[in-house]
Amino acid sequence: MIVYIILGISIMLNIGLTWYLSRVLAKLLYTSDNLGDLYVLFRMFEDFTGNLYSMDVFHGEPVLQELVERIKIVREELERFEEIYELTTDVGLIEEELADDNKADQEAYKADQEA
């Protein structure tokens, strides 16, 4: 009789812990996905400000230089959470895409300058 009571309590605890674990994992995946999106948007913003700062008109502008430096600090903080957003985001693929976009933007800018 006691064995059945212990078995019942064990089954109820396992069901409760399984439900709790599924809720925690769902929240973790949601957080991971949103952090991944934030990382992508921030990297795009970082590339944009870097390209803006490298333009002849704005090069050497102290306010933009400070902005670029602060953006690097924030990116470093975001990279501390890399193991979380790597669950849902392929960082290597994003880096390659951003590098390709950055290269295409620089080539377009040079073409505009030459024309």
C-alpha atoms as a PDB file:
ATOM      1  CA  MET A   1       0.000   0.000   0.000  1.00  0.00           C
ATOM      2  CA  ILE A   2       2.796   2.434   0.925  1.00  0.00           C
ATOM      3  CA  VAL A   3       4.571   1.545  -2.309  1.00  0.00           C
ATOM      4  CA  TYR A   4       1.509   2.639  -4.311  1.00  0.00           C
ATOM      5  CA  ILE A   5       1.311   5.929  -2.432  1.00  0.00           C
ATOM      6  CA  ILE A   6       5.015   6.636  -3.032  1.00  0.00           C
ATOM      7  CA  LEU A   7       4.629   5.614  -6.681  1.00  0.00           C
ATOM      8  CA  GLY A   8       1.631   7.966  -7.090  1.00  0.00           C
ATOM      9  CA  ILE A   9       3.502  10.858  -5.495  1.00  0.00           C
ATOM     10  CA  SER A  10       6.522  10.132  -7.702  1.00  0.00           C
ATOM     11  CA  ILE A  11       4.396  10.100 -10.862  1.00  0.00           C
ATOM     12  CA  MET A  12       2.708  13.375  -9.895  1.00  0.00           C
ATOM     13  CA  LEU A  13       6.069  14.989  -9.145  1.00  0.00           C
ATOM     14  CA  ASN A  14       7.487  13.796 -12.473  1.00  0.00           C
ATOM     15  CA  ILE A  15       4.492  15.170 -14.357  1.00  0.00           C
ATOM     16  CA  GLY A  16       4.798  18.491 -12.528  1.00  0.00           C
ATOM     17  CA  LEU A  17       8.533  18.745 -13.131  1.00  0.00           C
ATOM     18  CA  THR A  18       8.113  17.834 -16.813  1.00  0.00           C
ATOM     19  CA  TRP A  19       5.487  20.560 -17.220  1.00  0.00           C
ATOM     20  CA  TYR A  20       7.729  23.070 -15.418  1.00  0.00           C
ATOM     21  CA  LEU A  21      10.742  22.106 -17.517  1.00  0.00           C
ATOM     22  CA  SER A  22       8.775  22.539 -20.746  1.00  0.00           C
ATOM     23  CA  ARG A  23       7.677  26.025 -19.640  1.00  0.00           C
ATOM     24  CA  VAL A  24      11.238  27.039 -18.739  1.00  0.00           C
ATOM     25  CA  LEU A  25      12.593  25.737 -22.053  1.00  0.00           C
ATOM     26  CA  ALA A  26       9.882  27.603 -23.986  1.00  0.00           C
ATOM     27  CA  LYS A  27      10.863  30.840 -22.237  1.00  0.00           C
ATOM     28  CA  LEU A  28      14.545  30.170 -22.882  1.00  0.00           C
ATOM     29  CA  LEU A  29      13.933  29.620 -26.591  1.00  0.00           C
ATOM     30  CA  TYR A  30      11.803  32.777 -26.774  1.00  0.00           C
ATOM     31  CA  THR A  31      14.564  34.765 -25.053  1.00  0.00           C
ATOM     32  CA  SER A  32      17.209  33.198 -27.271  1.00  0.00           C
ATOM     33  CA  ASP A  33      15.293  34.074 -30.429  1.00  0.00           C
ATOM     34  CA  ASN A  34      14.775  37.680 -29.334  1.00  0.00           C
ATOM     35  CA  LEU A  35      18.406  38.086 -28.285  1.00  0.00           C
ATOM     36  CA  GLY A  36      19.451  36.724 -31.670  1.00  0.00           C
ATOM     37  CA  ASP A  37      17.260  39.285 -33.425  1.00  0.00           C
ATOM     38  CA  LEU A  38      18.674  42.037 -31.222  1.00  0.00           C
ATOM     39  CA  TYR A  39      22.208  40.932 -32.044  1.00  0.00           C
ATOM     40  CA  VAL A  40      21.482  40.974 -35.794  1.00  0.00           C
ATOM     41  CA  LEU A  41      19.900  44.429 -35.656  1.00  0.00           C
ATOM     42  CA  PHE A  42      22.706  45.775 -33.542  1.00  0.00           C
ATOM     43  CA  ARG A  43      25.373  44.414 -35.869  1.00  0.00           C
ATOM     44  CA  MET A  44      23.603  46.047 -38.808  1.00  0.00           C
ATOM     45  CA  PHE A  45      23.544  49.331 -36.878  1.00  0.00           C
ATOM     46  CA  GLU A  46      27.219  48.945 -36.026  1.00  0.00           C
ATOM     47  CA  ASP A  47      28.117  48.366 -39.671  1.00  0.00           C
ATOM     48  CA  PHE A  48      26.010  51.349 -40.727  1.00  0.00           C
ATOM     49  CA  THR A  49      27.656  53.716 -38.258  1.00  0.00           C
ATOM     50  CA  GLY A  50      31.089  52.353 -39.158  1.00  0.00           C
ATOM     51  CA  ASN A  51      30.415  53.009 -42.839  1.00  0.00           C
ATOM     52  CA  LEU A  52      29.024  56.438 -42.012  1.00  0.00           C
ATOM     53  CA  TYR A  53      32.100  57.304 -39.982  1.00  0.00           C
ATOM     54  CA  SER A  54      34.420  56.127 -42.766  1.00  0.00           C
ATOM     55  CA  MET A  55      32.859  58.519 -45.287  1.00  0.00           C
ATOM     56  CA  ASP A  56      35.051  61.461 -46.189  1.00  0.00           C
ATOM     57  CA  VAL A  57      32.448  63.954 -44.993  1.00  0.00           C
ATOM     58  CA  PHE A  58      32.217  62.509 -41.468  1.00  0.00           C
ATOM     59  CA  HIS A  59      35.696  61.028 -40.963  1.00  0.00           C
ATOM     60  CA  GLY A  60      37.290  62.413 -37.834  1.00  0.00           C
ATOM     61  CA  GLU A  61      34.011  63.717 -36.407  1.00  0.00           C
ATOM     62  CA  PRO A  62      34.468  63.312 -32.631  1.00  0.00           C
ATOM     63  CA  VAL A  63      30.780  62.681 -31.905  1.00  0.00           C
ATOM     64  CA  LEU A  64      30.610  59.869 -34.460  1.00  0.00           C
ATOM     65  CA  GLN A  65      33.889  58.454 -33.227  1.00  0.00           C
ATOM     66  CA  GLU A  66      32.493  58.353 -29.680  1.00  0.00           C
ATOM     67  CA  LEU A  67      29.320  56.709 -30.999  1.00  0.00           C
ATOM     68  CA  VAL A  68      31.332  54.011 -32.780  1.00  0.00           C
ATOM     69  CA  GLU A  69      33.349  53.343 -29.623  1.00  0.00           C
ATOM     70  CA  ARG A  70      30.224  53.074 -27.468  1.00  0.00           C
ATOM     71  CA  ILE A  71      28.608  50.756 -29.993  1.00  0.00           C
ATOM     72  CA  LYS A  72      31.620  48.450 -29.728  1.00  0.00           C
ATOM     73  CA  ILE A  73      31.209  48.364 -25.947  1.00  0.00           C
ATOM     74  CA  VAL A  74      27.528  47.447 -26.227  1.00  0.00           C
ATOM     75  CA  ARG A  75      28.321  44.770 -28.843  1.00  0.00           C
ATOM     76  CA  GLU A  76      30.876  43.238 -26.473  1.00  0.00           C
ATOM     77  CA  GLU A  77      28.178  43.093 -23.783  1.00  0.00           C
ATOM     78  CA  LEU A  78      25.789  41.421 -26.219  1.00  0.00           C
ATOM     79  CA  GLU A  79      28.445  38.876 -27.114  1.00  0.00           C
ATOM     80  CA  ARG A  80      28.497  37.776 -23.467  1.00  0.00           C
ATOM     81  CA  PHE A  81      25.060  36.278 -24.113  1.00  0.00           C
ATOM     82  CA  GLU A  82      26.199  34.525 -27.286  1.00  0.00           C
ATOM     83  CA  GLU A  83      25.676  31.040 -25.883  1.00  0.00           C
ATOM     84  CA  ILE A  84      22.012  31.879 -25.264  1.00  0.00           C
ATOM     85  CA  TYR A  85      21.148  33.261 -28.685  1.00  0.00           C
ATOM     86  CA  GLU A  86      23.222  30.637 -30.463  1.00  0.00           C
ATOM     87  CA  LEU A  87      20.445  28.200 -29.560  1.00  0.00           C
ATOM     88  CA  THR A  88      18.227  29.722 -32.252  1.00  0.00           C
ATOM     89  CA  THR A  89      20.571  31.937 -34.289  1.00  0.00           C
ATOM     90  CA  ASP A  90      23.444  30.857 -36.536  1.00  0.00           C
ATOM     91  CA  VAL A  91      25.985  33.554 -35.673  1.00  0.00           C
ATOM     92  CA  GLY A  92      28.550  32.426 -38.252  1.00  0.00           C
ATOM     93  CA  LEU A  93      26.019  32.724 -41.068  1.00  0.00           C
ATOM     94  CA  ILE A  94      24.960  36.164 -39.860  1.00  0.00           C
ATOM     95  CA  GLU A  95      28.569  37.338 -39.722  1.00  0.00           C
ATOM     96  CA  GLU A  96      29.114  36.179 -43.313  1.00  0.00           C
ATOM     97  CA  GLU A  97      25.943  37.893 -44.535  1.00  0.00           C
ATOM     98  CA  LEU A  98      26.832  41.133 -42.760  1.00  0.00           C
ATOM     99  CA  ALA A  99      30.350  41.035 -44.191  1.00  0.00           C
ATOM    100  CA  ASP A 100      28.957  40.510 -47.695  1.00  0.00           C
ATOM    101  CA  ASP A 101      26.449  43.351 -47.232  1.00  0.00           C
ATOM    102  CA  ASN A 102      29.163  45.607 -45.862  1.00  0.00           C
ATOM    103  CA  LYS A 103      31.427  44.842 -48.817  1.00  0.00           C
ATOM    104  CA  ALA A 104      28.588  45.510 -51.287  1.00  0.00           C
ATOM    105  CA  ASP A 105      27.775  48.816 -49.555  1.00  0.00           C
ATOM    106  CA  GLN A 106      31.410  49.917 -49.706  1.00  0.00           C
ATOM    107  CA  GLU A 107      31.641  49.013 -53.403  1.00  0.00           C
ATOM    108  CA  ALA A 108      28.436  50.954 -54.119  1.00  0.00           C
ATOM    109  CA  TYR A 109      29.781  53.949 -52.218  1.00  0.00           C
ATOM    110  CA  LYS A 110      33.070  53.849 -54.156  1.00  0.00           C
ATOM    111  CA  ALA A 111      31.149  53.600 -57.442  1.00  0.00           C
ATOM    112  CA  ASP A 112      29.086  56.646 -56.460  1.00  0.00           C
ATOM    113  CA  GLN A 113      32.234  58.566 -55.576  1.00  0.00           C
ATOM    114  CA  GLU A 114      33.868  57.721 -58.906  1.00  0.00           C
ATOM    115  CA  ALA A 115      30.811  58.765 -60.926  1.00  0.00           C
END
